Amino acid sequence: MSNQPTPEAKQDYNALLDALMPFAEQMLKQHGEFFPFGAAINPAGEVTAHATYDGTETPPSEEVIALLVRGFQAGAREGKIRAAGICYDGRIIQDGKKVDAVILALEHSSGNATKTCVPYKKGFFGKYSFGQLIASLEEPKIFVTA
């Protein structure tokens, strides 16, 4: 299992969350769903948005996530990114029940990887409410050594 995030990783994760969560919330409010998308941080600390398209109108989320992972792996190998995050709409178990959640897979070049989940509910008149952020350590998929 990956190690606890370094101070730089925590800072980069906060920047990725600040870039990814508002767009996820906007897409949910406007469309009720969203395709997976991502963001990365280059060595200079600049955040850039990332998406992928395989020519299919509605590709399965797993395929979109796999394409994003491969793209970020290439950026990591080339030293073009120091952190990356992939955001997708999913379901988690909370208090014994399946609930909707915005899921953010965050990774850092220091070797840390986290899965951060933000549960949400759709209420009256299409209004969304978001719960507390839940984070757990994960195995890295982007910043892996051969």
C-alpha atoms as a PDB file:
ATOM      1  CA  MET A   1       0.000   0.000   0.000  1.00  0.00           C
ATOM      2  CA  SER A   2       1.211   3.486  -0.724  1.00  0.00           C
ATOM      3  CA  ASN A   3       2.625   5.764   1.931  1.00  0.00           C
ATOM      4  CA  GLN A   4       1.059   8.797   3.598  1.00  0.00           C
ATOM      5  CA  PRO A   5       1.094  11.910   1.401  1.00  0.00           C
ATOM      6  CA  THR A   6       4.046  14.270   1.696  1.00  0.00           C
ATOM      7  CA  PRO A   7       3.371  17.993   2.331  1.00  0.00           C
ATOM      8  CA  GLU A   8       3.928  18.655  -1.405  1.00  0.00           C
ATOM      9  CA  ALA A   9       1.513  15.835  -2.308  1.00  0.00           C
ATOM     10  CA  LYS A  10      -1.135  17.248   0.051  1.00  0.00           C
ATOM     11  CA  GLN A  11      -0.731  20.688  -1.541  1.00  0.00           C
ATOM     12  CA  ASP A  12      -1.003  19.199  -5.042  1.00  0.00           C
ATOM     13  CA  TYR A  13      -4.041  17.098  -4.043  1.00  0.00           C
ATOM     14  CA  ASN A  14      -5.772  20.237  -2.772  1.00  0.00           C
ATOM     15  CA  ALA A  15      -5.033  21.985  -6.089  1.00  0.00           C
ATOM     16  CA  LEU A  16      -6.415  18.979  -8.006  1.00  0.00           C
ATOM     17  CA  LEU A  17      -9.537  18.866  -5.820  1.00  0.00           C
ATOM     18  CA  ASP A  18     -10.031  22.607  -6.412  1.00  0.00           C
ATOM     19  CA  ALA A  19      -9.820  21.985 -10.168  1.00  0.00           C
ATOM     20  CA  LEU A  20     -11.900  18.800 -10.376  1.00  0.00           C
ATOM     21  CA  MET A  21     -14.747  19.093  -7.841  1.00  0.00           C
ATOM     22  CA  PRO A  22     -16.333  22.344  -9.100  1.00  0.00           C
ATOM     23  CA  PHE A  23     -16.562  20.950 -12.638  1.00  0.00           C
ATOM     24  CA  ALA A  24     -18.048  17.660 -11.384  1.00  0.00           C
ATOM     25  CA  GLU A  25     -20.630  19.593  -9.352  1.00  0.00           C
ATOM     26  CA  GLN A  26     -21.451  21.799 -12.352  1.00  0.00           C
ATOM     27  CA  MET A  27     -21.926  18.766 -14.634  1.00  0.00           C
ATOM     28  CA  LEU A  28     -24.173  17.032 -12.100  1.00  0.00           C
ATOM     29  CA  LYS A  29     -26.319  20.142 -11.676  1.00  0.00           C
ATOM     30  CA  GLN A  30     -26.607  20.706 -15.438  1.00  0.00           C
ATOM     31  CA  HIS A  31     -26.782  17.124 -16.746  1.00  0.00           C
ATOM     32  CA  GLY A  32     -27.283  14.789 -13.773  1.00  0.00           C
ATOM     33  CA  GLU A  33     -24.109  12.881 -14.689  1.00  0.00           C
ATOM     34  CA  PHE A  34     -20.682  13.286 -16.247  1.00  0.00           C
ATOM     35  CA  PHE A  35     -18.032  11.349 -18.123  1.00  0.00           C
ATOM     36  CA  PRO A  36     -14.708  10.785 -16.360  1.00  0.00           C
ATOM     37  CA  PHE A  37     -12.198  13.610 -16.738  1.00  0.00           C
ATOM     38  CA  GLY A  38      -8.903  14.563 -15.165  1.00  0.00           C
ATOM     39  CA  ALA A  39      -6.356  17.173 -14.269  1.00  0.00           C
ATOM     40  CA  ALA A  40      -2.598  17.140 -13.865  1.00  0.00           C
ATOM     41  CA  ILE A  41       0.045  19.310 -12.282  1.00  0.00           C
ATOM     42  CA  ASN A  42       3.253  19.938 -14.200  1.00  0.00           C
ATOM     43  CA  PRO A  43       6.676  20.317 -12.525  1.00  0.00           C
ATOM     44  CA  ALA A  44       6.157  24.124 -12.372  1.00  0.00           C
ATOM     45  CA  GLY A  45       2.982  23.611 -10.324  1.00  0.00           C
ATOM     46  CA  GLU A  46       0.488  24.560 -13.054  1.00  0.00           C
ATOM     47  CA  VAL A  47      -2.815  22.677 -13.163  1.00  0.00           C
ATOM     48  CA  THR A  48      -4.137  21.597 -16.562  1.00  0.00           C
ATOM     49  CA  ALA A  49      -7.464  19.935 -17.401  1.00  0.00           C
ATOM     50  CA  HIS A  50      -7.512  16.642 -19.307  1.00  0.00           C
ATOM     51  CA  ALA A  51     -10.176  14.690 -21.144  1.00  0.00           C
ATOM     52  CA  THR A  52     -10.106  11.931 -23.715  1.00  0.00           C
ATOM     53  CA  TYR A  53     -12.208  10.919 -26.676  1.00  0.00           C
ATOM     54  CA  ASP A  54     -12.105   7.629 -28.558  1.00  0.00           C
ATOM     55  CA  GLY A  55     -14.667   8.564 -31.213  1.00  0.00           C
ATOM     56  CA  THR A  56     -17.525   6.818 -29.418  1.00  0.00           C
ATOM     57  CA  GLU A  57     -20.575   8.906 -28.475  1.00  0.00           C
ATOM     58  CA  THR A  58     -21.095   7.269 -25.048  1.00  0.00           C
ATOM     59  CA  PRO A  59     -18.069   5.119 -24.176  1.00  0.00           C
ATOM     60  CA  PRO A  60     -18.119   3.065 -20.964  1.00  0.00           C
ATOM     61  CA  SER A  61     -16.607   4.997 -18.041  1.00  0.00           C
ATOM     62  CA  GLU A  62     -14.045   2.216 -17.468  1.00  0.00           C
ATOM     63  CA  GLU A  63     -12.656   2.772 -20.974  1.00  0.00           C
ATOM     64  CA  VAL A  64     -12.457   6.538 -20.497  1.00  0.00           C
ATOM     65  CA  ILE A  65     -10.656   6.047 -17.162  1.00  0.00           C
ATOM     66  CA  ALA A  66      -8.218   3.573 -18.770  1.00  0.00           C
ATOM     67  CA  LEU A  67      -7.427   6.091 -21.540  1.00  0.00           C
ATOM     68  CA  LEU A  68      -6.833   8.839 -18.973  1.00  0.00           C
ATOM     69  CA  VAL A  69      -4.560   6.544 -16.924  1.00  0.00           C
ATOM     70  CA  ARG A  70      -2.493   5.666 -20.020  1.00  0.00           C
ATOM     71  CA  GLY A  71      -2.171   9.332 -20.961  1.00  0.00           C
ATOM     72  CA  PHE A  72      -1.074  10.293 -17.447  1.00  0.00           C
ATOM     73  CA  GLN A  73       1.360   7.346 -17.321  1.00  0.00           C
ATOM     74  CA  ALA A  74       3.017   8.685 -20.484  1.00  0.00           C
ATOM     75  CA  GLY A  75       3.222  12.164 -18.943  1.00  0.00           C
ATOM     76  CA  ALA A  76       4.718  10.710 -15.764  1.00  0.00           C
ATOM     77  CA  ARG A  77       7.343   8.670 -17.673  1.00  0.00           C
ATOM     78  CA  GLU A  78       8.336  11.788 -19.619  1.00  0.00           C
ATOM     79  CA  GLY A  79       8.577  13.891 -16.443  1.00  0.00           C
ATOM     80  CA  LYS A  80       5.822  16.227 -17.676  1.00  0.00           C
ATOM     81  CA  ILE A  81       3.580  15.816 -14.612  1.00  0.00           C
ATOM     82  CA  ARG A  82       4.159  15.527 -10.875  1.00  0.00           C
ATOM     83  CA  ALA A  83       0.552  14.805  -9.860  1.00  0.00           C
ATOM     84  CA  ALA A  84      -2.658  13.709 -11.544  1.00  0.00           C
ATOM     85  CA  GLY A  85      -6.287  13.174 -10.692  1.00  0.00           C
ATOM     86  CA  ILE A  86      -9.130  11.358 -12.407  1.00  0.00           C
ATOM     87  CA  CYS A  87     -12.680  12.281 -11.450  1.00  0.00           C
ATOM     88  CA  TYR A  88     -15.684  10.054 -12.114  1.00  0.00           C
ATOM     89  CA  ASP A  89     -19.264   9.498 -11.018  1.00  0.00           C
ATOM     90  CA  GLY A  90     -19.706   6.298  -9.030  1.00  0.00           C
ATOM     91  CA  ARG A  91     -21.231   4.571  -6.052  1.00  0.00           C
ATOM     92  CA  ILE A  92     -19.719   3.756  -2.674  1.00  0.00           C
ATOM     93  CA  ILE A  93     -20.908   1.905   0.415  1.00  0.00           C
ATOM     94  CA  GLN A  94     -21.667   4.282   3.268  1.00  0.00           C
ATOM     95  CA  ASP A  95     -23.404   3.189   6.473  1.00  0.00           C
ATOM     96  CA  GLY A  96     -24.207  -0.146   4.819  1.00  0.00           C
ATOM     97  CA  LYS A  97     -25.951   1.437   1.805  1.00  0.00           C
ATOM     98  CA  LYS A  98     -24.873   2.163  -1.757  1.00  0.00           C
ATOM     99  CA  VAL A  99     -24.770   5.912  -2.323  1.00  0.00           C
ATOM    100  CA  ASP A 100     -23.819   8.115  -5.275  1.00  0.00           C
ATOM    101  CA  ALA A 101     -20.419   9.784  -5.018  1.00  0.00           C
ATOM    102  CA  VAL A 102     -17.977  11.892  -6.939  1.00  0.00           C
ATOM    103  CA  ILE A 103     -14.825   9.750  -6.869  1.00  0.00           C
ATOM    104  CA  LEU A 104     -11.372  11.268  -7.344  1.00  0.00           C
ATOM    105  CA  ALA A 105      -8.352   9.034  -7.879  1.00  0.00           C
ATOM    106  CA  LEU A 106      -5.366  11.238  -6.982  1.00  0.00           C
ATOM    107  CA  GLU A 107      -1.702  10.331  -7.440  1.00  0.00           C
ATOM    108  CA  HIS A 108       1.607  12.026  -6.811  1.00  0.00           C
ATOM    109  CA  SER A 109       5.118  11.399  -8.097  1.00  0.00           C
ATOM    110  CA  SER A 110       6.238  10.847  -4.470  1.00  0.00           C
ATOM    111  CA  GLY A 111       4.555   7.421  -4.727  1.00  0.00           C
ATOM    112  CA  ASN A 112       1.352   8.268  -2.874  1.00  0.00           C
ATOM    113  CA  ALA A 113      -2.091   7.492  -4.257  1.00  0.00           C
ATOM    114  CA  THR A 114      -5.477   8.192  -2.690  1.00  0.00           C
ATOM    115  CA  LYS A 115      -9.096   7.548  -3.519  1.00  0.00           C
ATOM    116  CA  THR A 116     -11.184  10.486  -2.387  1.00  0.00           C
ATOM    117  CA  CYS A 117     -14.974  10.207  -2.395  1.00  0.00           C
ATOM    118  CA  VAL A 118     -17.587  12.921  -1.950  1.00  0.00           C
ATOM    119  CA  PRO A 119     -21.055  11.407  -1.456  1.00  0.00           C
ATOM    120  CA  TYR A 120     -23.972  13.338  -2.914  1.00  0.00           C
ATOM    121  CA  LYS A 121     -27.760  13.276  -3.041  1.00  0.00           C
ATOM    122  CA  LYS A 122     -30.125  14.741  -5.574  1.00  0.00           C
ATOM    123  CA  GLY A 123     -32.929  16.497  -3.746  1.00  0.00           C
ATOM    124  CA  PHE A 124     -35.989  18.487  -4.616  1.00  0.00           C
ATOM    125  CA  PHE A 125     -35.994  20.551  -7.798  1.00  0.00           C
ATOM    126  CA  GLY A 126     -32.734  18.924  -8.934  1.00  0.00           C
ATOM    127  CA  LYS A 127     -30.731  20.492  -6.120  1.00  0.00           C
ATOM    128  CA  TYR A 128     -27.639  18.512  -5.132  1.00  0.00           C
ATOM    129  CA  SER A 129     -26.175  18.267  -1.655  1.00  0.00           C
ATOM    130  CA  PHE A 130     -22.633  17.019  -1.096  1.00  0.00           C
ATOM    131  CA  GLY A 131     -21.369  15.173   1.957  1.00  0.00           C
ATOM    132  CA  GLN A 132     -18.038  15.045   3.738  1.00  0.00           C
ATOM    133  CA  LEU A 133     -14.917  14.079   1.818  1.00  0.00           C
ATOM    134  CA  ILE A 134     -13.729  10.498   2.514  1.00  0.00           C
ATOM    135  CA  ALA A 135     -10.135   9.582   1.619  1.00  0.00           C
ATOM    136  CA  SER A 136      -8.277   6.276   1.647  1.00  0.00           C
ATOM    137  CA  LEU A 137      -4.855   5.153   0.456  1.00  0.00           C
ATOM    138  CA  GLU A 138      -4.664   3.279  -2.844  1.00  0.00           C
ATOM    139  CA  GLU A 139      -2.053   1.519  -4.952  1.00  0.00           C
ATOM    140  CA  PRO A 140      -0.487   3.842  -7.553  1.00  0.00           C
ATOM    141  CA  LYS A 141      -1.448   3.243 -11.195  1.00  0.00           C
ATOM    142  CA  ILE A 142       0.107   6.295 -12.845  1.00  0.00           C
ATOM    143  CA  PHE A 143       3.421   6.871 -11.091  1.00  0.00           C
ATOM    144  CA  VAL A 144       4.633   3.273 -11.122  1.00  0.00           C
ATOM    145  CA  THR A 145       8.183   2.095 -11.593  1.00  0.00           C
ATOM    146  CA  ALA A 146       8.851  -0.583 -14.167  1.00  0.00           C
END
